[in-house]
PDB file of N, CA and C in Angstrom:
ATOM      1  N   MET A   1       0.848  -1.192   0.000  1.00  0.00           N
ATOM      2  CA  MET A   1       0.000   0.000   0.000  1.00  0.00           C
ATOM      3  C   MET A   1       0.882   1.241   0.000  1.00  0.00           C
ATOM      4  N   GLY A   2       0.524   2.166  -0.849  1.00  0.00           N
ATOM      5  CA  GLY A   2       1.233   3.436  -0.905  1.00  0.00           C
ATOM      6  C   GLY A   2       0.416   4.521  -0.228  1.00  0.00           C
ATOM      7  N   LYS A   3       1.102   5.545   0.214  1.00  0.00           N
ATOM      8  CA  LYS A   3       0.411   6.665   0.862  1.00  0.00           C
ATOM      9  C   LYS A   3       0.088   7.715  -0.190  1.00  0.00           C
ATOM     10  N   VAL A   4      -1.161   8.156  -0.219  1.00  0.00           N
ATOM     11  CA  VAL A   4      -1.588   9.232  -1.103  1.00  0.00           C
ATOM     12  C   VAL A   4      -1.840  10.456  -0.241  1.00  0.00           C
ATOM     13  N   THR A   5      -1.169  11.553  -0.576  1.00  0.00           N
ATOM     14  CA  THR A   5      -1.360  12.810   0.144  1.00  0.00           C
ATOM     15  C   THR A   5      -2.056  13.786  -0.791  1.00  0.00           C
ATOM     16  N   PHE A   6      -3.124  14.379  -0.300  1.00  0.00           N
ATOM     17  CA  PHE A   6      -3.900  15.332  -1.091  1.00  0.00           C
ATOM     18  C   PHE A   6      -3.559  16.747  -0.641  1.00  0.00           C
ATOM     19  N   VAL A   7      -3.218  17.604  -1.584  1.00  0.00           N
ATOM     20  CA  VAL A   7      -2.978  19.001  -1.266  1.00  0.00           C
ATOM     21  C   VAL A   7      -4.001  19.832  -2.026  1.00  0.00           C
ATOM     22  N   PRO A   8      -4.475  20.935  -1.522  1.00  0.00           N
ATOM     23  CA  PRO A   8      -3.925  21.676  -0.397  1.00  0.00           C
ATOM     24  C   PRO A   8      -4.377  21.224   0.989  1.00  0.00           C
ATOM     25  N   SER A   9      -5.260  20.245   1.123  1.00  0.00           N
ATOM     26  CA  SER A   9      -5.766  19.865   2.449  1.00  0.00           C
ATOM     27  C   SER A   9      -4.691  19.260   3.335  1.00  0.00           C
ATOM     28  N   GLY A  10      -3.694  18.595   2.727  1.00  0.00           N
ATOM     29  CA  GLY A  10      -2.637  17.955   3.508  1.00  0.00           C
ATOM     30  C   GLY A  10      -3.038  16.610   4.079  1.00  0.00           C
ATOM     31  N   LYS A  11      -4.248  16.141   3.803  1.00  0.00           N
ATOM     32  CA  LYS A  11      -4.699  14.854   4.325  1.00  0.00           C
ATOM     33  C   LYS A  11      -4.046  13.718   3.546  1.00  0.00           C
ATOM     34  N   SER A  12      -3.711  12.651   4.270  1.00  0.00           N
ATOM     35  CA  SER A  12      -3.076  11.478   3.662  1.00  0.00           C
ATOM     36  C   SER A  12      -3.853  10.230   4.016  1.00  0.00           C
ATOM     37  N   ILE A  13      -3.696   9.221   3.170  1.00  0.00           N
ATOM     38  CA  ILE A  13      -4.332   7.934   3.431  1.00  0.00           C
ATOM     39  C   ILE A  13      -3.503   6.842   2.771  1.00  0.00           C
ATOM     40  N   LYS A  14      -3.469   5.685   3.406  1.00  0.00           N
ATOM     41  CA  LYS A  14      -2.840   4.514   2.787  1.00  0.00           C
ATOM     42  C   LYS A  14      -3.848   3.946   1.801  1.00  0.00           C
ATOM     43  N   ALA A  15      -3.468   3.893   0.533  1.00  0.00           N
ATOM     44  CA  ALA A  15      -4.372   3.397  -0.503  1.00  0.00           C
ATOM     45  C   ALA A  15      -3.825   2.086  -1.049  1.00  0.00           C
ATOM     46  N   ARG A  16      -4.713   1.155  -1.296  1.00  0.00           N
ATOM     47  CA  ARG A  16      -4.260  -0.114  -1.881  1.00  0.00           C
ATOM     48  C   ARG A  16      -3.979   0.101  -3.364  1.00  0.00           C
ATOM     49  N   ALA A  17      -3.050  -0.632  -3.894  1.00  0.00           N
ATOM     50  CA  ALA A  17      -2.717  -0.532  -5.316  1.00  0.00           C
ATOM     51  C   ALA A  17      -3.969  -0.847  -6.129  1.00  0.00           C
ATOM     52  N   GLY A  18      -4.271  -0.007  -7.103  1.00  0.00           N
ATOM     53  CA  GLY A  18      -5.452  -0.197  -7.937  1.00  0.00           C
ATOM     54  C   GLY A  18      -6.667   0.587  -7.475  1.00  0.00           C
ATOM     55  N   GLN A  19      -6.584   1.227  -6.308  1.00  0.00           N
ATOM     56  CA  GLN A  19      -7.699   2.041  -5.812  1.00  0.00           C
ATOM     57  C   GLN A  19      -7.684   3.387  -6.534  1.00  0.00           C
ATOM     58  N   THR A  20      -8.842   3.833  -7.032  1.00  0.00           N
ATOM     59  CA  THR A  20      -8.880   5.126  -7.727  1.00  0.00           C
ATOM     60  C   THR A  20      -8.646   6.261  -6.742  1.00  0.00           C
ATOM     61  N   LEU A  21      -8.186   7.383  -7.280  1.00  0.00           N
ATOM     62  CA  LEU A  21      -7.963   8.558  -6.433  1.00  0.00           C
ATOM     63  C   LEU A  21      -9.258   9.075  -5.839  1.00  0.00           C
ATOM     64  N   VAL A  22     -10.352   8.998  -6.600  1.00  0.00           N
ATOM     65  CA  VAL A  22     -11.648   9.452  -6.085  1.00  0.00           C
ATOM     66  C   VAL A  22     -12.033   8.613  -4.865  1.00  0.00           C
ATOM     67  N   SER A  23     -11.834   7.306  -4.949  1.00  0.00           N
ATOM     68  CA  SER A  23     -12.152   6.407  -3.837  1.00  0.00           C
ATOM     69  C   SER A  23     -11.248   6.674  -2.631  1.00  0.00           C
ATOM     70  N   ALA A  24      -9.950   6.844  -2.886  1.00  0.00           N
ATOM     71  CA  ALA A  24      -9.017   7.120  -1.791  1.00  0.00           C
ATOM     72  C   ALA A  24      -9.332   8.462  -1.146  1.00  0.00           C
ATOM     73  N   ALA A  25      -9.668   9.454  -1.963  1.00  0.00           N
ATOM     74  CA  ALA A  25      -9.999  10.779  -1.436  1.00  0.00           C
ATOM     75  C   ALA A  25     -11.240  10.712  -0.549  1.00  0.00           C
ATOM     76  N   ALA A  26     -12.251   9.988  -0.994  1.00  0.00           N
ATOM     77  CA  ALA A  26     -13.483   9.860  -0.200  1.00  0.00           C
ATOM     78  C   ALA A  26     -13.164   9.218   1.150  1.00  0.00           C
ATOM     79  N   ALA A  27     -12.306   8.210   1.148  1.00  0.00           N
ATOM     80  CA  ALA A  27     -11.930   7.546   2.405  1.00  0.00           C
ATOM     81  C   ALA A  27     -11.172   8.492   3.333  1.00  0.00           C
ATOM     82  N   ALA A  28     -10.450   9.459   2.742  1.00  0.00           N
ATOM     83  CA  ALA A  28      -9.705  10.444   3.531  1.00  0.00           C
ATOM     84  C   ALA A  28     -10.539  11.680   3.843  1.00  0.00           C
ATOM     85  N   ARG A  29     -11.806  11.653   3.429  1.00  0.00           N
ATOM     86  CA  ARG A  29     -12.724  12.786   3.614  1.00  0.00           C
ATOM     87  C   ARG A  29     -12.239  14.035   2.880  1.00  0.00           C
ATOM     88  N   VAL A  30     -11.769  13.796   1.664  1.00  0.00           N
ATOM     89  CA  VAL A  30     -11.352  14.871   0.764  1.00  0.00           C
ATOM     90  C   VAL A  30     -12.263  14.792  -0.449  1.00  0.00           C
ATOM     91  N   VAL A  31     -12.738  15.932  -0.903  1.00  0.00           N
ATOM     92  CA  VAL A  31     -13.668  15.949  -2.030  1.00  0.00           C
ATOM     93  C   VAL A  31     -12.925  16.207  -3.338  1.00  0.00           C
ATOM     94  N   ILE A  32     -13.091  15.288  -4.267  1.00  0.00           N
ATOM     95  CA  ILE A  32     -12.672  15.517  -5.646  1.00  0.00           C
ATOM     96  C   ILE A  32     -13.979  15.649  -6.417  1.00  0.00           C
ATOM     97  N   PRO A  33     -14.282  16.858  -6.928  1.00  0.00           N
ATOM     98  CA  PRO A  33     -15.564  17.055  -7.599  1.00  0.00           C
ATOM     99  C   PRO A  33     -15.723  16.125  -8.800  1.00  0.00           C
ATOM    100  N   GLN A  34     -16.916  15.592  -8.949  1.00  0.00           N
ATOM    101  CA  GLN A  34     -17.241  14.780 -10.119  1.00  0.00           C
ATOM    102  C   GLN A  34     -18.746  14.740 -10.275  1.00  0.00           C
ATOM    103  N   ARG A  35     -19.180  14.513 -11.492  1.00  0.00           N
ATOM    104  CA  ARG A  35     -20.607  14.491 -11.761  1.00  0.00           C
ATOM    105  C   ARG A  35     -21.038  13.208 -12.467  1.00  0.00           C
ATOM    106  N   CYS A  36     -20.093  12.481 -13.063  1.00  0.00           N
ATOM    107  CA  CYS A  36     -20.447  11.363 -13.939  1.00  0.00           C
ATOM    108  C   CYS A  36     -20.365   9.992 -13.266  1.00  0.00           C
ATOM    109  N   GLY A  37     -20.029   9.952 -11.987  1.00  0.00           N
ATOM    110  CA  GLY A  37     -19.957   8.668 -11.299  1.00  0.00           C
ATOM    111  C   GLY A  37     -18.754   7.823 -11.689  1.00  0.00           C
ATOM    112  N   GLY A  38     -17.687   8.455 -12.152  1.00  0.00           N
ATOM    113  CA  GLY A  38     -16.457   7.724 -12.446  1.00  0.00           C
ATOM    114  C   GLY A  38     -16.357   7.171 -13.846  1.00  0.00           C
ATOM    115  N   HIS A  39     -17.124   7.722 -14.795  1.00  0.00           N
ATOM    116  CA  HIS A  39     -17.108   7.225 -16.168  1.00  0.00           C
ATOM    117  C   HIS A  39     -16.266   8.087 -17.110  1.00  0.00           C
ATOM    118  N   ALA A  40     -15.505   9.014 -16.550  1.00  0.00           N
ATOM    119  CA  ALA A  40     -14.605   9.888 -17.324  1.00  0.00           C
ATOM    120  C   ALA A  40     -15.342  10.721 -18.366  1.00  0.00           C
ATOM    121  N   SER A  41     -16.598  11.033 -18.109  1.00  0.00           N
ATOM    122  CA  SER A  41     -17.331  11.822 -19.100  1.00  0.00           C
ATOM    123  C   SER A  41     -17.469  13.294 -18.717  1.00  0.00           C
ATOM    124  N   CYS A  42     -17.415  13.627 -17.430  1.00  0.00           N
ATOM    125  CA  CYS A  42     -17.594  15.032 -17.047  1.00  0.00           C
ATOM    126  C   CYS A  42     -16.268  15.792 -16.989  1.00  0.00           C
ATOM    127  N   LEU A  43     -15.169  15.083 -16.812  1.00  0.00           N
ATOM    128  CA  LEU A  43     -13.822  15.661 -16.725  1.00  0.00           C
ATOM    129  C   LEU A  43     -13.659  16.654 -15.573  1.00  0.00           C
ATOM    130  N   MET A  44     -14.537  16.582 -14.576  1.00  0.00           N
ATOM    131  CA  MET A  44     -14.458  17.498 -13.426  1.00  0.00           C
ATOM    132  C   MET A  44     -13.407  17.072 -12.412  1.00  0.00           C
ATOM    133  N   CYS A  45     -13.015  15.807 -12.443  1.00  0.00           N
ATOM    134  CA  CYS A  45     -12.168  15.265 -11.382  1.00  0.00           C
ATOM    135  C   CYS A  45     -10.679  15.363 -11.707  1.00  0.00           C
ATOM    136  N   ARG A  46     -10.313  16.338 -12.511  1.00  0.00           N
ATOM    137  CA  ARG A  46      -8.898  16.511 -12.857  1.00  0.00           C
ATOM    138  C   ARG A  46      -8.083  16.812 -11.610  1.00  0.00           C
ATOM    139  N   VAL A  47      -6.950  16.149 -11.503  1.00  0.00           N
ATOM    140  CA  VAL A  47      -6.001  16.364 -10.415  1.00  0.00           C
ATOM    141  C   VAL A  47      -4.612  16.453 -11.039  1.00  0.00           C
ATOM    142  N   VAL A  48      -3.657  16.916 -10.251  1.00  0.00           N
ATOM    143  CA  VAL A  48      -2.287  17.046 -10.742  1.00  0.00           C
ATOM    144  C   VAL A  48      -1.367  16.200  -9.866  1.00  0.00           C
ATOM    145  N   LEU A  49      -0.628  15.295 -10.482  1.00  0.00           N
ATOM    146  CA  LEU A  49       0.359  14.497  -9.762  1.00  0.00           C
ATOM    147  C   LEU A  49       1.566  15.383  -9.500  1.00  0.00           C
ATOM    148  N   GLU A  50       1.791  15.722  -8.228  1.00  0.00           N
ATOM    149  CA  GLU A  50       2.905  16.606  -7.867  1.00  0.00           C
ATOM    150  C   GLU A  50       4.195  15.813  -7.712  1.00  0.00           C
ATOM    151  N   SER A  51       4.094  14.628  -7.125  1.00  0.00           N
ATOM    152  CA  SER A  51       5.273  13.778  -6.970  1.00  0.00           C
ATOM    153  C   SER A  51       4.813  12.350  -6.750  1.00  0.00           C
ATOM    154  N   GLY A  52       5.733  11.425  -6.945  1.00  0.00           N
ATOM    155  CA  GLY A  52       5.406  10.018  -6.749  1.00  0.00           C
ATOM    156  C   GLY A  52       4.904   9.376  -8.022  1.00  0.00           C
ATOM    157  N   GLU A  53       4.062   8.367  -7.837  1.00  0.00           N
ATOM    158  CA  GLU A  53       3.659   7.547  -8.975  1.00  0.00           C
ATOM    159  C   GLU A  53       2.189   7.168  -8.894  1.00  0.00           C
ATOM    160  N   LEU A  54       1.540   7.170 -10.052  1.00  0.00           N
ATOM    161  CA  LEU A  54       0.178   6.653 -10.206  1.00  0.00           C
ATOM    162  C   LEU A  54       0.209   5.606 -11.309  1.00  0.00           C
ATOM    163  N   SER A  55      -0.896   4.898 -11.467  1.00  0.00           N
ATOM    164  CA  SER A  55      -0.996   3.932 -12.558  1.00  0.00           C
ATOM    165  C   SER A  55      -0.852   4.641 -13.901  1.00  0.00           C
ATOM    166  N   ALA A  56      -0.500   3.890 -14.925  1.00  0.00           N
ATOM    167  CA  ALA A  56      -0.438   4.456 -16.278  1.00  0.00           C
ATOM    168  C   ALA A  56      -1.847   4.867 -16.689  1.00  0.00           C
ATOM    169  N   PRO A  57      -1.973   5.889 -17.519  1.00  0.00           N
ATOM    170  CA  PRO A  57      -3.306   6.309 -17.973  1.00  0.00           C
ATOM    171  C   PRO A  57      -4.049   5.163 -18.672  1.00  0.00           C
ATOM    172  N   SER A  58      -5.319   5.009 -18.329  1.00  0.00           N
ATOM    173  CA  SER A  58      -6.153   3.981 -18.968  1.00  0.00           C
ATOM    174  C   SER A  58      -6.443   4.406 -20.402  1.00  0.00           C
ATOM    175  N   ALA A  59      -6.910   3.464 -21.210  1.00  0.00           N
ATOM    176  CA  ALA A  59      -7.261   3.778 -22.605  1.00  0.00           C
ATOM    177  C   ALA A  59      -8.345   4.860 -22.642  1.00  0.00           C
ATOM    178  N   LEU A  60      -9.304   4.768 -21.728  1.00  0.00           N
ATOM    179  CA  LEU A  60     -10.378   5.763 -21.661  1.00  0.00           C
ATOM    180  C   LEU A  60      -9.812   7.139 -21.324  1.00  0.00           C
ATOM    181  N   GLU A  61      -8.917   7.173 -20.358  1.00  0.00           N
ATOM    182  CA  GLU A  61      -8.304   8.441 -19.950  1.00  0.00           C
ATOM    183  C   GLU A  61      -7.478   9.024 -21.108  1.00  0.00           C
ATOM    184  N   GLN A  62      -6.779   8.187 -21.831  1.00  0.00           N
ATOM    185  CA  GLN A  62      -5.984   8.659 -22.965  1.00  0.00           C
ATOM    186  C   GLN A  62      -6.873   9.244 -24.064  1.00  0.00           C
ATOM    187  N   ARG A  63      -8.065   8.672 -24.239  1.00  0.00           N
ATOM    188  CA  ARG A  63      -9.003   9.200 -25.239  1.00  0.00           C
ATOM    189  C   ARG A  63      -9.575  10.546 -24.813  1.00  0.00           C
ATOM    190  N   LYS A  64      -9.855  10.700 -23.522  1.00  0.00           N
ATOM    191  CA  LYS A  64     -10.546  11.896 -23.020  1.00  0.00           C
ATOM    192  C   LYS A  64      -9.615  13.084 -22.747  1.00  0.00           C
ATOM    193  N   MET A  65      -8.386  12.792 -22.350  1.00  0.00           N
ATOM    194  CA  MET A  65      -7.470  13.854 -21.927  1.00  0.00           C
ATOM    195  C   MET A  65      -6.479  14.200 -23.032  1.00  0.00           C
ATOM    196  N   PRO A  66      -6.189  15.505 -23.206  1.00  0.00           N
ATOM    197  CA  PRO A  66      -5.152  15.880 -24.180  1.00  0.00           C
ATOM    198  C   PRO A  66      -3.806  15.272 -23.766  1.00  0.00           C
ATOM    199  N   GLU A  67      -3.033  14.836 -24.748  1.00  0.00           N
ATOM    200  CA  GLU A  67      -1.732  14.225 -24.479  1.00  0.00           C
ATOM    201  C   GLU A  67      -0.828  15.170 -23.687  1.00  0.00           C
ATOM    202  N   LYS A  68      -0.926  16.469 -24.004  1.00  0.00           N
ATOM    203  CA  LYS A  68      -0.128  17.494 -23.314  1.00  0.00           C
ATOM    204  C   LYS A  68      -0.436  17.506 -21.813  1.00  0.00           C
ATOM    205  N   ASP A  69      -1.729  17.404 -21.458  1.00  0.00           N
ATOM    206  CA  ASP A  69      -2.115  17.391 -20.046  1.00  0.00           C
ATOM    207  C   ASP A  69      -1.555  16.161 -19.336  1.00  0.00           C
ATOM    208  N   LEU A  70      -1.696  14.999 -19.956  1.00  0.00           N
ATOM    209  CA  LEU A  70      -1.169  13.769 -19.356  1.00  0.00           C
ATOM    210  C   LEU A  70       0.335  13.873 -19.143  1.00  0.00           C
ATOM    211  N   ALA A  71       1.043  14.467 -20.101  1.00  0.00           N
ATOM    212  CA  ALA A  71       2.496  14.628 -19.992  1.00  0.00           C
ATOM    213  C   ALA A  71       2.865  15.548 -18.824  1.00  0.00           C
ATOM    214  N   GLN A  72       1.969  16.469 -18.462  1.00  0.00           N
ATOM    215  CA  GLN A  72       2.219  17.405 -17.359  1.00  0.00           C
ATOM    216  C   GLN A  72       1.735  16.853 -16.013  1.00  0.00           C
ATOM    217  N   GLY A  73       1.265  15.610 -16.004  1.00  0.00           N
ATOM    218  CA  GLY A  73       0.820  15.000 -14.752  1.00  0.00           C
ATOM    219  C   GLY A  73      -0.626  15.287 -14.407  1.00  0.00           C
ATOM    220  N   ILE A  74      -1.390  15.841 -15.339  1.00  0.00           N
ATOM    221  CA  ILE A  74      -2.810  16.094 -15.094  1.00  0.00           C
ATOM    222  C   ILE A  74      -3.556  14.800 -15.401  1.00  0.00           C
ATOM    223  N   ARG A  75      -4.293  14.326 -14.414  1.00  0.00           N
ATOM    224  CA  ARG A  75      -4.978  13.043 -14.541  1.00  0.00           C
ATOM    225  C   ARG A  75      -6.433  13.181 -14.119  1.00  0.00           C
ATOM    226  N   LEU A  76      -7.236  12.190 -14.468  1.00  0.00           N
ATOM    227  CA  LEU A  76      -8.624  12.133 -14.005  1.00  0.00           C
ATOM    228  C   LEU A  76      -8.645  11.297 -12.735  1.00  0.00           C
ATOM    229  N   GLY A  77      -9.164  11.870 -11.667  1.00  0.00           N
ATOM    230  CA  GLY A  77      -9.197  11.170 -10.386  1.00  0.00           C
ATOM    231  C   GLY A  77     -10.017   9.895 -10.406  1.00  0.00           C
ATOM    232  N   CYS A  78     -10.982   9.816 -11.328  1.00  0.00           N
ATOM    233  CA  CYS A  78     -11.816   8.612 -11.407  1.00  0.00           C
ATOM    234  C   CYS A  78     -11.129   7.482 -12.162  1.00  0.00           C
ATOM    235  N   GLN A  79     -10.051   7.797 -12.875  1.00  0.00           N
ATOM    236  CA  GLN A  79      -9.339   6.796 -13.668  1.00  0.00           C
ATOM    237  C   GLN A  79      -7.955   6.485 -13.116  1.00  0.00           C
ATOM    238  N   ALA A  80      -7.271   7.492 -12.595  1.00  0.00           N
ATOM    239  CA  ALA A  80      -5.918   7.299 -12.057  1.00  0.00           C
ATOM    240  C   ALA A  80      -5.992   6.464 -10.783  1.00  0.00           C
ATOM    241  N   LYS A  81      -5.079   5.505 -10.678  1.00  0.00           N
ATOM    242  CA  LYS A  81      -5.099   4.587  -9.542  1.00  0.00           C
ATOM    243  C   LYS A  81      -3.795   4.647  -8.772  1.00  0.00           C
ATOM    244  N   ALA A  82      -3.912   4.419  -7.471  1.00  0.00           N
ATOM    245  CA  ALA A  82      -2.743   4.370  -6.606  1.00  0.00           C
ATOM    246  C   ALA A  82      -1.898   3.147  -6.959  1.00  0.00           C
ATOM    247  N   THR A  83      -0.616   3.232  -6.644  1.00  0.00           N
ATOM    248  CA  THR A  83       0.290   2.095  -6.803  1.00  0.00           C
ATOM    249  C   THR A  83       0.856   1.764  -5.432  1.00  0.00           C
ATOM    250  N   GLN A  84       1.886   0.939  -5.392  1.00  0.00           N
ATOM    251  CA  GLN A  84       2.545   0.601  -4.121  1.00  0.00           C
ATOM    252  C   GLN A  84       3.384   1.770  -3.596  1.00  0.00           C
ATOM    253  N   LYS A  85       3.654   2.751  -4.460  1.00  0.00           N
ATOM    254  CA  LYS A  85       4.513   3.874  -4.085  1.00  0.00           C
ATOM    255  C   LYS A  85       3.690   5.072  -3.617  1.00  0.00           C
ATOM    256  N   ASP A  86       4.311   5.897  -2.778  1.00  0.00           N
ATOM    257  CA  ASP A  86       3.662   7.103  -2.269  1.00  0.00           C
ATOM    258  C   ASP A  86       3.519   8.139  -3.380  1.00  0.00           C
ATOM    259  N   CYS A  87       2.524   9.014  -3.232  1.00  0.00           N
ATOM    260  CA  CYS A  87       2.371  10.107  -4.181  1.00  0.00           C
ATOM    261  C   CYS A  87       1.700  11.297  -3.507  1.00  0.00           C
ATOM    262  N   VAL A  88       1.879  12.452  -4.126  1.00  0.00           N
ATOM    263  CA  VAL A  88       1.234  13.685  -3.687  1.00  0.00           C
ATOM    264  C   VAL A  88       0.399  14.177  -4.861  1.00  0.00           C
ATOM    265  N   VAL A  89      -0.883  14.420  -4.600  1.00  0.00           N
ATOM    266  CA  VAL A  89      -1.824  14.808  -5.648  1.00  0.00           C
ATOM    267  C   VAL A  89      -2.470  16.135  -5.267  1.00  0.00           C
ATOM    268  N   ARG A  90      -2.404  17.082  -6.199  1.00  0.00           N
ATOM    269  CA  ARG A  90      -3.037  18.390  -5.971  1.00  0.00           C
ATOM    270  C   ARG A  90      -4.435  18.387  -6.570  1.00  0.00           C
ATOM    271  N   ILE A  91      -5.395  18.816  -5.767  1.00  0.00           N
ATOM    272  CA  ILE A  91      -6.769  18.989  -6.251  1.00  0.00           C
ATOM    273  C   ILE A  91      -6.928  20.470  -6.545  1.00  0.00           C
ATOM    274  N   PRO A  92      -7.042  20.833  -7.825  1.00  0.00           N
ATOM    275  CA  PRO A  92      -7.158  22.257  -8.163  1.00  0.00           C
ATOM    276  C   PRO A  92      -8.374  22.883  -7.482  1.00  0.00           C
ATOM    277  N   GLU A  93      -8.197  24.120  -7.068  1.00  0.00           N
ATOM    278  CA  GLU A  93      -9.288  24.809  -6.383  1.00  0.00           C
ATOM    279  C   GLU A  93     -10.378  25.187  -7.374  1.00  0.00           C
ATOM    280  N   ASN A  94     -11.586  25.010  -6.957  1.00  0.00           N
ATOM    281  CA  ASN A  94     -12.756  25.400  -7.747  1.00  0.00           C
ATOM    282  C   ASN A  94     -12.739  26.909  -7.940  1.00  0.00           C
ATOM    283  N   ARG A  95     -12.915  27.368  -9.159  1.00  0.00           N
ATOM    284  CA  ARG A  95     -12.877  28.815  -9.433  1.00  0.00           C
ATOM    285  C   ARG A  95     -13.923  29.580  -8.642  1.00  0.00           C
ATOM    286  N   LEU A  96     -15.139  29.048  -8.566  1.00  0.00           N
ATOM    287  CA  LEU A  96     -16.198  29.727  -7.831  1.00  0.00           C
ATOM    288  C   LEU A  96     -15.820  29.839  -6.356  1.00  0.00           C
ATOM    289  N   LYS A  97     -15.269  28.773  -5.802  1.00  0.00           N
ATOM    290  CA  LYS A  97     -14.861  28.784  -4.402  1.00  0.00           C
ATOM    291  C   LYS A  97     -13.809  29.867  -4.166  1.00  0.00           C
ATOM    292  N   SER A  98     -12.842  30.003  -5.082  1.00  0.00           N
ATOM    293  CA  SER A  98     -11.795  31.001  -4.890  1.00  0.00           C
ATOM    294  C   SER A  98     -12.351  32.419  -4.991  1.00  0.00           C
ATOM    295  N   VAL A  99     -13.346  32.644  -5.844  1.00  0.00           N
ATOM    296  CA  VAL A  99     -13.979  33.964  -5.962  1.00  0.00           C
ATOM    297  C   VAL A  99     -14.721  34.301  -4.678  1.00  0.00           C
ATOM    298  N   VAL A 100     -15.473  33.339  -4.155  1.00  0.00           N
ATOM    299  CA  VAL A 100     -16.218  33.540  -2.907  1.00  0.00           C
ATOM    300  C   VAL A 100     -15.249  33.789  -1.753  1.00  0.00           C
ATOM    301  N   GLN A 101     -14.161  32.994  -1.688  1.00  0.00           N
ATOM    302  CA  GLN A 101     -13.166  33.155  -0.628  1.00  0.00           C
ATOM    303  C   GLN A 101     -12.552  34.553  -0.673  1.00  0.00           C
ATOM    304  N   ALA A 102     -12.207  35.042  -1.858  1.00  0.00           N
ATOM    305  CA  ALA A 102     -11.620  36.373  -2.005  1.00  0.00           C
ATOM    306  C   ALA A 102     -12.609  37.450  -1.556  1.00  0.00           C
ATOM    307  N   ALA A 103     -13.874  37.298  -1.901  1.00  0.00           N
ATOM    308  CA  ALA A 103     -14.898  38.269  -1.492  1.00  0.00           C
ATOM    309  C   ALA A 103     -15.058  38.281   0.027  1.00  0.00           C
ATOM    310  N   LEU A 104     -15.044  37.103   0.645  1.00  0.00           N
ATOM    311  CA  LEU A 104     -15.159  37.027   2.107  1.00  0.00           C
ATOM    312  C   LEU A 104     -13.962  37.680   2.789  1.00  0.00           C
ATOM    313  N   GLU A 105     -12.771  37.447   2.259  1.00  0.00           N
ATOM    314  CA  GLU A 105     -11.570  38.051   2.836  1.00  0.00           C
ATOM    315  C   GLU A 105     -11.604  39.569   2.701  1.00  0.00           C
ATOM    316  N   ARG A 106     -12.067  40.056   1.542  1.00  0.00           N
ATOM    317  CA  ARG A 106     -12.174  41.501   1.321  1.00  0.00           C
ATOM    318  C   ARG A 106     -13.175  42.112   2.305  1.00  0.00           C
ATOM    319  N   GLN A 107     -14.307  41.448   2.486  1.00  0.00           N
ATOM    320  CA  GLN A 107     -15.333  41.929   3.408  1.00  0.00           C
ATOM    321  C   GLN A 107     -14.790  41.963   4.837  1.00  0.00           C
ATOM    322  N   GLN A 108     -14.040  40.944   5.195  1.00  0.00           N
ATOM    323  CA  GLN A 108     -13.471  40.883   6.540  1.00  0.00           C
ATOM    324  C   GLN A 108     -12.467  42.024   6.764  1.00  0.00           C
ATOM    325  N   ARG A 109     -11.635  42.308   5.760  1.00  0.00           N
ATOM    326  CA  ARG A 109     -10.679  43.418   5.866  1.00  0.00           C
ATOM    327  C   ARG A 109     -11.404  44.745   6.035  1.00  0.00           C
ATOM    328  N   GLU A 110     -12.482  44.941   5.251  1.00  0.00           N
ATOM    329  CA  GLU A 110     -13.246  46.185   5.341  1.00  0.00           C
ATOM    330  C   GLU A 110     -13.880  46.349   6.719  1.00  0.00           C
ATOM    331  N   GLU A 111     -14.374  45.257   7.281  1.00  0.00           N
ATOM    332  CA  GLU A 111     -14.978  45.326   8.615  1.00  0.00           C
ATOM    333  C   GLU A 111     -13.932  45.627   9.681  1.00  0.00           C
ATOM    334  N   ASN A 112     -12.728  45.094   9.509  1.00  0.00           N
ATOM    335  CA  ASN A 112     -11.655  45.334  10.477  1.00  0.00           C
ATOM    336  C   ASN A 112     -11.134  46.762  10.422  1.00  0.00           C
ATOM    337  N   GLU A 113     -11.256  47.407   9.247  1.00  0.00           N
ATOM    338  CA  GLU A 113     -10.808  48.791   9.084  1.00  0.00           C
ATOM    339  C   GLU A 113     -11.771  49.780   9.745  1.00  0.00           C
ATOM    340  N   ASP A 114     -13.035  49.396   9.903  1.00  0.00           N
ATOM    341  CA  ASP A 114     -14.052  50.298  10.477  1.00  0.00           C
ATOM    342  C   ASP A 114     -13.928  50.433  11.964  1.00  0.00           C
TER     343      ASP A 114
END
């Protein structure tokens, strides 16, 4: 079993070889957004392999993802699987979440200035 660490949350979990990242993330109580139930059709579950090793891209993943993205370590969490080796996987921040977070921080600064 290899350890999968999810960033930015910093949560880690021992994942069995062959376990998808979406499954490992759920077990670690980390959310990887998805809408298609793991069929690689929504492409919402993109993650970035920061270090370590994941399974080779599946035929389905190779069809759905641009070759350039795969070469840069961008994978689909519903298709990429853990191996015996440790890895660090970044879950990109949702754009809407980052906009809301920035607005909340701005509001908090304005309230502190008053």
